[in-house]
C-alpha atoms as a PDB file:
ATOM      1  CA  MET A   1      -1.584  23.750 -32.051  1.00  0.00           C
ATOM      2  CA  LYS A   2      -5.108  24.881 -32.846  1.00  0.00           C
ATOM      3  CA  CYS A   3      -5.942  26.881 -35.950  1.00  0.00           C
ATOM      4  CA  ILE A   4      -8.841  29.164 -35.206  1.00  0.00           C
ATOM      5  CA  VAL A   5     -10.207  31.447 -37.910  1.00  0.00           C
ATOM      6  CA  ALA A   6     -13.121  33.772 -37.240  1.00  0.00           C
ATOM      7  CA  GLY A   7     -14.063  31.795 -34.129  1.00  0.00           C
ATOM      8  CA  HIS A   8     -14.103  28.430 -35.939  1.00  0.00           C
ATOM      9  CA  GLN A   9     -11.539  25.703 -35.377  1.00  0.00           C
ATOM     10  CA  ALA A  10      -9.933  24.260 -38.473  1.00  0.00           C
ATOM     11  CA  VAL A  11      -8.943  20.626 -38.054  1.00  0.00           C
ATOM     12  CA  THR A  12      -7.661  19.908 -41.554  1.00  0.00           C
ATOM     13  CA  THR A  13      -5.743  22.040 -44.036  1.00  0.00           C
ATOM     14  CA  ILE A  14      -8.814  22.086 -46.294  1.00  0.00           C
ATOM     15  CA  GLU A  15     -10.949  23.430 -43.442  1.00  0.00           C
ATOM     16  CA  PHE A  16      -8.294  26.054 -42.704  1.00  0.00           C
ATOM     17  CA  ALA A  17      -8.277  27.189 -46.347  1.00  0.00           C
ATOM     18  CA  GLU A  18     -12.095  27.321 -46.442  1.00  0.00           C
ATOM     19  CA  LEU A  19     -12.262  29.347 -43.244  1.00  0.00           C
ATOM     20  CA  ALA A  20      -9.451  31.661 -44.338  1.00  0.00           C
ATOM     21  CA  LEU A  21     -10.991  32.266 -47.760  1.00  0.00           C
ATOM     22  CA  GLY A  22     -14.612  32.239 -46.695  1.00  0.00           C
ATOM     23  CA  THR A  23     -15.514  29.881 -49.539  1.00  0.00           C
ATOM     24  CA  PRO A  24     -15.200  26.154 -50.143  1.00  0.00           C
ATOM     25  CA  VAL A  25     -11.975  25.144 -51.899  1.00  0.00           C
ATOM     26  CA  GLU A  26     -13.961  23.103 -54.418  1.00  0.00           C
ATOM     27  CA  LEU A  27     -15.503  26.316 -55.731  1.00  0.00           C
ATOM     28  CA  TRP A  28     -12.103  27.388 -57.070  1.00  0.00           C
ATOM     29  CA  LEU A  29     -10.535  24.016 -57.849  1.00  0.00           C
ATOM     30  CA  GLY A  30     -13.535  22.001 -58.972  1.00  0.00           C
ATOM     31  CA  VAL A  31     -14.161  18.365 -58.220  1.00  0.00           C
ATOM     32  CA  GLU A  32     -13.170  15.251 -60.062  1.00  0.00           C
ATOM     33  CA  GLY A  33     -15.808  14.055 -62.477  1.00  0.00           C
ATOM     34  CA  GLU A  34     -17.825  17.262 -62.619  1.00  0.00           C
ATOM     35  CA  THR A  35     -19.909  17.705 -65.734  1.00  0.00           C
ATOM     36  CA  ALA A  36     -19.546  20.630 -68.132  1.00  0.00           C
ATOM     37  CA  GLU A  37     -22.796  22.031 -66.748  1.00  0.00           C
ATOM     38  CA  GLU A  38     -21.562  21.746 -63.141  1.00  0.00           C
ATOM     39  CA  ARG A  39     -18.262  23.375 -64.097  1.00  0.00           C
ATOM     40  CA  ALA A  40     -20.059  26.264 -65.814  1.00  0.00           C
ATOM     41  CA  ALA A  41     -22.265  26.797 -62.742  1.00  0.00           C
ATOM     42  CA  ARG A  42     -19.240  26.662 -60.424  1.00  0.00           C
ATOM     43  CA  LEU A  43     -17.305  29.187 -62.502  1.00  0.00           C
ATOM     44  CA  ASP A  44     -20.373  31.438 -62.685  1.00  0.00           C
ATOM     45  CA  ALA A  45     -20.666  31.359 -58.891  1.00  0.00           C
ATOM     46  CA  ALA A  46     -16.951  32.113 -58.559  1.00  0.00           C
ATOM     47  CA  ARG A  47     -17.320  35.134 -60.871  1.00  0.00           C
ATOM     48  CA  ASP A  48     -20.231  36.392 -58.772  1.00  0.00           C
ATOM     49  CA  ILE A  49     -18.151  36.084 -55.613  1.00  0.00           C
ATOM     50  CA  LEU A  50     -15.198  37.925 -57.140  1.00  0.00           C
ATOM     51  CA  ALA A  51     -17.547  40.711 -58.258  1.00  0.00           C
ATOM     52  CA  ASP A  52     -18.907  41.144 -54.693  1.00  0.00           C
ATOM     53  CA  PRO A  53     -17.206  44.100 -52.935  1.00  0.00           C
ATOM     54  CA  GLU A  54     -16.970  41.987 -49.756  1.00  0.00           C
ATOM     55  CA  TYR A  55     -14.483  39.730 -51.540  1.00  0.00           C
ATOM     56  CA  HIS A  56     -12.437  42.405 -53.315  1.00  0.00           C
ATOM     57  CA  SER A  57      -9.306  41.282 -51.452  1.00  0.00           C
ATOM     58  CA  LEU A  58      -9.781  37.572 -52.239  1.00  0.00           C
ATOM     59  CA  PRO A  59      -7.063  37.407 -54.938  1.00  0.00           C
ATOM     60  CA  ASP A  60      -4.569  38.954 -52.495  1.00  0.00           C
ATOM     61  CA  ASP A  61      -5.731  36.556 -49.779  1.00  0.00           C
ATOM     62  CA  LEU A  62      -5.141  33.623 -52.130  1.00  0.00           C
ATOM     63  CA  VAL A  63      -1.613  34.800 -52.892  1.00  0.00           C
ATOM     64  CA  ARG A  64      -0.867  35.167 -49.173  1.00  0.00           C
ATOM     65  CA  LEU A  65      -2.295  31.705 -48.480  1.00  0.00           C
ATOM     66  CA  ALA A  66      -0.234  30.165 -51.290  1.00  0.00           C
ATOM     67  CA  ALA A  67       2.907  31.909 -50.013  1.00  0.00           C
ATOM     68  CA  ARG A  68       2.242  30.579 -46.527  1.00  0.00           C
ATOM     69  CA  VAL A  69       1.841  27.029 -47.850  1.00  0.00           C
ATOM     70  CA  VAL A  70       5.136  27.325 -49.721  1.00  0.00           C
ATOM     71  CA  GLU A  71       6.825  28.706 -46.611  1.00  0.00           C
ATOM     72  CA  ASP A  72       5.339  26.130 -44.226  1.00  0.00           C
ATOM     73  CA  HIS A  73       5.813  23.134 -46.549  1.00  0.00           C
ATOM     74  CA  PRO A  74       8.935  23.657 -48.662  1.00  0.00           C
ATOM     75  CA  ASP A  75       9.185  19.881 -49.087  1.00  0.00           C
ATOM     76  CA  LEU A  76       6.202  20.062 -51.451  1.00  0.00           C
ATOM     77  CA  PHE A  77       8.454  21.863 -53.880  1.00  0.00           C
ATOM     78  CA  ASN A  78      11.576  19.707 -53.769  1.00  0.00           C
ATOM     79  CA  VAL A  79      12.261  19.717 -57.451  1.00  0.00           C
ATOM     80  CA  ILE A  80      15.077  17.559 -58.728  1.00  0.00           C
ATOM     81  CA  PRO A  81      16.470  18.641 -62.062  1.00  0.00           C
ATOM     82  CA  LEU A  82      16.562  15.860 -64.592  1.00  0.00           C
ATOM     83  CA  ALA A  83      19.751  15.307 -66.515  1.00  0.00           C
ATOM     84  CA  CYS A  84      19.382  16.203 -70.143  1.00  0.00           C
ATOM     85  CA  PRO A  85      20.652  13.557 -72.544  1.00  0.00           C
ATOM     86  CA  ALA A  86      23.688  14.571 -74.535  1.00  0.00           C
ATOM     87  CA  ARG A  87      22.716  16.097 -77.823  1.00  0.00           C
ATOM     88  CA  ARG A  88      23.908  14.160 -80.806  1.00  0.00           C
ATOM     89  CA  ARG A  89      25.201  16.104 -83.703  1.00  0.00           C
ATOM     90  CA  PRO A  90      23.901  15.000 -87.042  1.00  0.00           C
ATOM     91  CA  ALA A  91      26.521  13.373 -89.243  1.00  0.00           C
ATOM     92  CA  ARG A  92      27.858  15.689 -91.895  1.00  0.00           C
ATOM     93  CA  ARG A  93      27.138  14.530 -95.363  1.00  0.00           C
ATOM     94  CA  GLY A  94      29.973  14.286 -97.758  1.00  0.00           C
ATOM     95  CA  ALA A  95      32.623  14.288 -95.056  1.00  0.00           C
ATOM     96  CA  ALA A  96      35.378  11.785 -95.529  1.00  0.00           C
ATOM     97  CA  ALA A  97      35.712   9.410 -92.651  1.00  0.00           C
END
């Protein structure tokens, strides 16, 4: 199945997200090893984009995209509850044993 967004074919999930959002994913998530200066510049650019009227629906688009990922890949969220260890009661002082 081909994923085509705005006339462009998305081959990977990252490409699909970039085409759907209109921005590179790294802009929002950052990249490993980025410096404080690079992070500040990235966040500044992200703020500029969010302030642009063309992107006023971006937060809603992100929520829809996240919901679609959850719906399409429920296995990503297979959470197994961990058993809690039994709580030990502290010994009572002065109690005859």
